C-alpha atoms as a PDB file:
ATOM      1  CA  MET A   1     111.450-168.933 -88.678  1.00  0.00           C
ATOM      2  CA  ALA A   2     111.375-166.561 -85.708  1.00  0.00           C
ATOM      3  CA  PRO A   3     110.214-163.019 -86.435  1.00  0.00           C
ATOM      4  CA  THR A   4     112.729-160.201 -86.384  1.00  0.00           C
ATOM      5  CA  LEU A   5     111.924-157.850 -83.533  1.00  0.00           C
ATOM      6  CA  LEU A   6     112.028-154.114 -84.112  1.00  0.00           C
ATOM      7  CA  THR A   7     114.779-152.152 -82.431  1.00  0.00           C
ATOM      8  CA  GLU A   8     113.949-149.349 -79.998  1.00  0.00           C
ATOM      9  CA  ASP A   9     114.925-146.823 -82.684  1.00  0.00           C
ATOM     10  CA  GLU A  10     112.632-148.483 -85.248  1.00  0.00           C
ATOM     11  CA  ILE A  11     109.743-148.503 -82.789  1.00  0.00           C
ATOM     12  CA  ALA A  12     110.280-144.820 -81.944  1.00  0.00           C
ATOM     13  CA  ARG A  13     110.459-143.875 -85.640  1.00  0.00           C
ATOM     14  CA  LEU A  14     107.355-145.866 -86.542  1.00  0.00           C
ATOM     15  CA  SER A  15     105.337-144.464 -83.637  1.00  0.00           C
ATOM     16  CA  ALA A  16     106.243-140.940 -84.798  1.00  0.00           C
ATOM     17  CA  ASP A  17     105.206-141.764 -88.387  1.00  0.00           C
ATOM     18  CA  LEU A  18     101.927-143.547 -87.545  1.00  0.00           C
ATOM     19  CA  PRO A  19      99.187-141.210 -86.290  1.00  0.00           C
ATOM     20  CA  GLY A  20      97.393-142.526 -83.214  1.00  0.00           C
ATOM     21  CA  TRP A  21      99.942-145.247 -82.476  1.00  0.00           C
ATOM     22  CA  GLN A  22     101.839-145.287 -79.176  1.00  0.00           C
ATOM     23  CA  VAL A  23     104.694-147.231 -77.677  1.00  0.00           C
ATOM     24  CA  ARG A  24     103.588-149.312 -74.672  1.00  0.00           C
ATOM     25  CA  ASP A  25     105.941-151.718 -72.952  1.00  0.00           C
ATOM     26  CA  GLY A  26     108.293-151.534 -75.930  1.00  0.00           C
ATOM     27  CA  ARG A  27     105.560-152.392 -78.449  1.00  0.00           C
ATOM     28  CA  LEU A  28     103.539-150.382 -80.917  1.00  0.00           C
ATOM     29  CA  ALA A  29      99.910-150.049 -79.826  1.00  0.00           C
ATOM     30  CA  LEU A  30      96.754-148.519 -81.285  1.00  0.00           C
ATOM     31  CA  ASP A  31      93.414-148.015 -79.544  1.00  0.00           C
ATOM     32  CA  VAL A  32      90.341-147.858 -81.753  1.00  0.00           C
ATOM     33  CA  THR A  33      86.633-147.718 -80.990  1.00  0.00           C
ATOM     34  CA  ALA A  34      84.004-149.603 -82.968  1.00  0.00           C
ATOM     35  CA  PRO A  35      80.338-148.625 -82.999  1.00  0.00           C
ATOM     36  CA  SER A  36      79.249-152.142 -82.034  1.00  0.00           C
ATOM     37  CA  PHE A  37      80.554-155.449 -80.790  1.00  0.00           C
ATOM     38  CA  LEU A  38      79.922-157.105 -84.169  1.00  0.00           C
ATOM     39  CA  GLN A  39      81.848-154.352 -85.965  1.00  0.00           C
ATOM     40  CA  ALA A  40      84.750-154.835 -83.535  1.00  0.00           C
ATOM     41  CA  VAL A  41      84.761-158.582 -84.218  1.00  0.00           C
ATOM     42  CA  GLY A  42      84.667-157.893 -87.962  1.00  0.00           C
ATOM     43  CA  TRP A  43      87.752-155.713 -87.614  1.00  0.00           C
ATOM     44  CA  VAL A  44      89.508-158.467 -85.674  1.00  0.00           C
ATOM     45  CA  VAL A  45      88.739-160.963 -88.451  1.00  0.00           C
ATOM     46  CA  ALA A  46      90.096-158.567 -91.102  1.00  0.00           C
ATOM     47  CA  ILE A  47      93.230-157.928 -89.033  1.00  0.00           C
ATOM     48  CA  ALA A  48      93.689-161.663 -88.417  1.00  0.00           C
ATOM     49  CA  GLU A  49      93.457-162.469 -92.126  1.00  0.00           C
ATOM     50  CA  ALA A  50      96.051-159.824 -93.050  1.00  0.00           C
ATOM     51  CA  ALA A  51      98.291-160.811 -90.142  1.00  0.00           C
ATOM     52  CA  GLU A  52      98.142-164.497 -91.076  1.00  0.00           C
ATOM     53  CA  GLU A  53      99.371-163.684 -94.584  1.00  0.00           C
ATOM     54  CA  MET A  54     102.362-161.913 -92.977  1.00  0.00           C
ATOM     55  CA  ASP A  55     102.909-164.691 -90.402  1.00  0.00           C
ATOM     56  CA  HIS A  56     102.354-162.003 -87.756  1.00  0.00           C
ATOM     57  CA  HIS A  57     100.187-162.664 -84.747  1.00  0.00           C
ATOM     58  CA  PRO A  58      99.381-159.432 -82.887  1.00  0.00           C
ATOM     59  CA  ASP A  59      97.875-159.182 -79.431  1.00  0.00           C
ATOM     60  CA  ILE A  60      94.265-158.012 -79.800  1.00  0.00           C
ATOM     61  CA  ASP A  61      91.865-157.102 -76.995  1.00  0.00           C
ATOM     62  CA  ILE A  62      88.156-156.467 -77.355  1.00  0.00           C
ATOM     63  CA  ARG A  63      86.546-154.842 -74.365  1.00  0.00           C
ATOM     64  CA  PRO A  64      83.664-152.468 -73.837  1.00  0.00           C
ATOM     65  CA  ALA A  65      84.547-148.795 -73.672  1.00  0.00           C
ATOM     66  CA  ARG A  66      82.993-146.551 -71.032  1.00  0.00           C
ATOM     67  CA  ASP A  67      80.553-144.941 -73.461  1.00  0.00           C
ATOM     68  CA  SER A  68      79.020-148.288 -74.530  1.00  0.00           C
ATOM     69  CA  GLN A  69      80.971-148.401 -77.771  1.00  0.00           C
ATOM     70  CA  TRP A  70      83.505-151.144 -78.293  1.00  0.00           C
ATOM     71  CA  GLY A  71      87.174-150.294 -78.085  1.00  0.00           C
ATOM     72  CA  GLY A  72      90.553-151.691 -77.223  1.00  0.00           C
ATOM     73  CA  LEU A  73      91.315-153.392 -80.525  1.00  0.00           C
END
């Protein structure tokens, strides 16, 4: 079963209600910074497990931040 996409109004409302979240290219996005690479990977695993239960498969990037912490989840 194909997922139901959010409407532009739903995205705008959710981004206003979710602190730190932004709308980028019509999608909700959140940037976070982990203190280490292993912590970032741990967060990805936790997100993946929750997302799998919801049959949701978000785009996730892990990349080093400028200050040597890990961000971009």
